[in-house]
Amino acid sequence: MAAVKIKDYSHGVMLIANNLLSGLSVYLNSDHQWLLLENLAQGKAAVAYSEQEAAELLASINPDDFLCPVVDPYIIQLDGNGKPSHSRELLRATGPSIRYGAQATQGTNDVSI
């Protein structure tokens, strides 16, 4: 993914990626673990408030490392509620509208319209 230009750091930014095994969107927490958005405890997300902090956060991930559990990590901007501010990222955070793979066996009935 091309670098995302962040215009405003006042609400912070965080790192998003796709889990290599499940394909789900995951977020980096302050303990350097990748979690689903709903599993991020309040205040536990790894949030940066400046361009330098964001660059350091992104540099802390090495997607070329054989043991790296994610692909396509990049920085996203947050809104005042700590949620992704862009509609594309909000959709990624809430997941696909049609469940597949392991999600399909969890009893959800989500369907795109």
Protein backbone atom coordinates (compact mmCIF):
# COMPACT_ATOMS: atom_id res chain seq x y z
CA MET A 1 0.00 0.00 0.00
CA ALA A 2 1.22 3.48 -0.79
CA ALA A 3 2.08 5.74 2.10
CA VAL A 4 -0.96 7.48 3.53
CA LYS A 5 -0.56 11.24 4.01
CA ILE A 6 -1.81 12.15 7.47
CA LYS A 7 -3.13 15.69 7.69
CA ASP A 8 -3.92 15.92 11.39
CA TYR A 9 -2.25 14.16 14.32
CA SER A 10 -4.41 15.79 17.02
CA HIS A 11 -6.54 12.64 17.54
CA GLY A 12 -3.64 10.29 16.90
CA VAL A 13 -2.85 7.62 14.35
CA MET A 14 -2.47 3.87 14.69
CA LEU A 15 -1.10 0.95 12.73
CA ILE A 16 -3.41 -1.37 10.78
CA ALA A 17 -2.50 -4.54 8.87
CA ASN A 18 -3.99 -7.83 7.72
CA ASN A 19 -3.45 -11.01 9.70
CA LEU A 20 -1.48 -13.37 7.49
CA LEU A 21 -3.55 -16.45 8.36
CA SER A 22 -7.11 -15.11 8.66
CA GLY A 23 -6.93 -12.07 6.37
CA LEU A 24 -8.74 -10.00 9.00
CA SER A 25 -7.77 -6.41 9.76
CA VAL A 26 -5.74 -6.15 12.95
CA TYR A 27 -4.37 -3.23 14.94
CA LEU A 28 -1.16 -2.87 16.91
CA ASN A 29 -1.57 -2.47 20.66
CA SER A 30 0.84 -0.88 23.11
CA ASP A 31 2.23 -4.33 24.00
CA HIS A 32 3.23 -4.79 20.34
CA GLN A 33 0.55 -7.42 19.69
CA TRP A 34 -1.84 -7.48 16.73
CA LEU A 35 -5.52 -7.53 17.77
CA LEU A 36 -8.95 -7.11 16.21
CA LEU A 37 -10.37 -3.63 16.83
CA GLU A 38 -13.02 -4.94 19.23
CA ASN A 39 -10.30 -6.66 21.28
CA LEU A 40 -8.27 -3.49 21.81
CA ALA A 41 -8.80 -2.43 25.41
CA GLN A 42 -9.51 1.25 25.92
CA GLY A 43 -6.22 3.10 25.99
CA LYS A 44 -4.17 0.06 24.96
CA ALA A 45 -3.79 0.85 21.27
CA ALA A 46 -0.36 1.93 20.07
CA VAL A 47 -1.24 5.51 19.14
CA ALA A 48 1.17 8.12 17.76
CA TYR A 49 0.56 11.87 17.96
CA SER A 50 3.26 13.17 15.62
CA GLU A 51 4.76 12.33 12.26
CA GLN A 52 7.98 11.19 13.94
CA GLU A 53 6.15 8.90 16.39
CA ALA A 54 4.13 7.45 13.49
CA ALA A 55 7.30 6.77 11.48
CA GLU A 56 8.87 5.05 14.50
CA LEU A 57 5.75 2.94 15.01
CA LEU A 58 5.74 1.84 11.38
CA ALA A 59 9.49 1.19 11.45
CA SER A 60 9.02 -1.12 14.44
CA ILE A 61 7.25 -3.63 12.19
CA ASN A 62 9.25 -5.70 9.72
CA PRO A 63 6.77 -7.32 7.32
CA ASP A 64 9.69 -9.03 5.55
CA ASP A 65 10.54 -10.96 8.73
CA PHE A 66 9.65 -14.63 8.24
CA LEU A 67 7.86 -14.70 11.62
CA CYS A 68 5.85 -11.52 11.07
CA PRO A 69 2.12 -12.40 11.51
CA VAL A 70 0.83 -9.56 9.32
CA VAL A 71 1.01 -8.16 5.80
CA ASP A 72 0.47 -4.64 4.46
CA PRO A 73 0.95 -2.60 7.67
CA TYR A 74 0.26 1.13 7.39
CA ILE A 75 -0.73 4.16 9.46
CA ILE A 76 -4.35 5.30 9.72
CA GLN A 77 -5.81 8.50 11.12
CA LEU A 78 -8.20 8.36 14.09
CA ASP A 79 -11.26 10.46 14.82
CA GLY A 80 -12.08 12.06 18.17
CA ASN A 81 -13.51 8.76 19.47
CA GLY A 82 -10.39 6.72 18.75
CA LYS A 83 -11.95 5.02 15.72
CA PRO A 84 -10.67 5.08 12.13
CA SER A 85 -11.59 8.43 10.57
CA HIS A 86 -11.76 7.37 6.91
CA SER A 87 -14.70 5.34 5.61
CA ARG A 88 -12.41 2.75 4.00
CA GLU A 89 -10.68 2.09 7.31
CA LEU A 90 -13.98 2.03 9.17
CA LEU A 91 -15.20 -0.70 6.81
CA ARG A 92 -11.99 -2.64 7.36
CA ALA A 93 -12.45 -2.28 11.12
CA THR A 94 -15.97 -3.66 11.11
CA GLY A 95 -15.08 -6.53 8.80
CA PRO A 96 -16.55 -7.87 5.59
CA SER A 97 -20.28 -7.85 5.05
CA ILE A 98 -20.13 -11.47 3.89
CA ARG A 99 -18.42 -13.90 6.27
CA TYR A 100 -16.00 -16.45 4.87
CA GLY A 101 -13.60 -19.10 6.09
CA ALA A 102 -13.52 -19.49 9.86
CA GLN A 103 -15.96 -16.58 10.23
CA ALA A 104 -18.63 -18.50 8.33
CA THR A 105 -18.72 -21.19 11.01
CA GLN A 106 -19.19 -18.77 13.91
CA GLY A 107 -22.94 -18.49 13.46
CA THR A 108 -23.09 -14.99 11.98
CA ASN A 109 -25.60 -14.19 9.25
CA ASP A 110 -24.06 -11.05 7.76
CA VAL A 111 -24.98 -10.50 4.13
CA SER A 112 -24.22 -7.64 1.75
CA ILE A 113 -27.18 -5.85 0.23
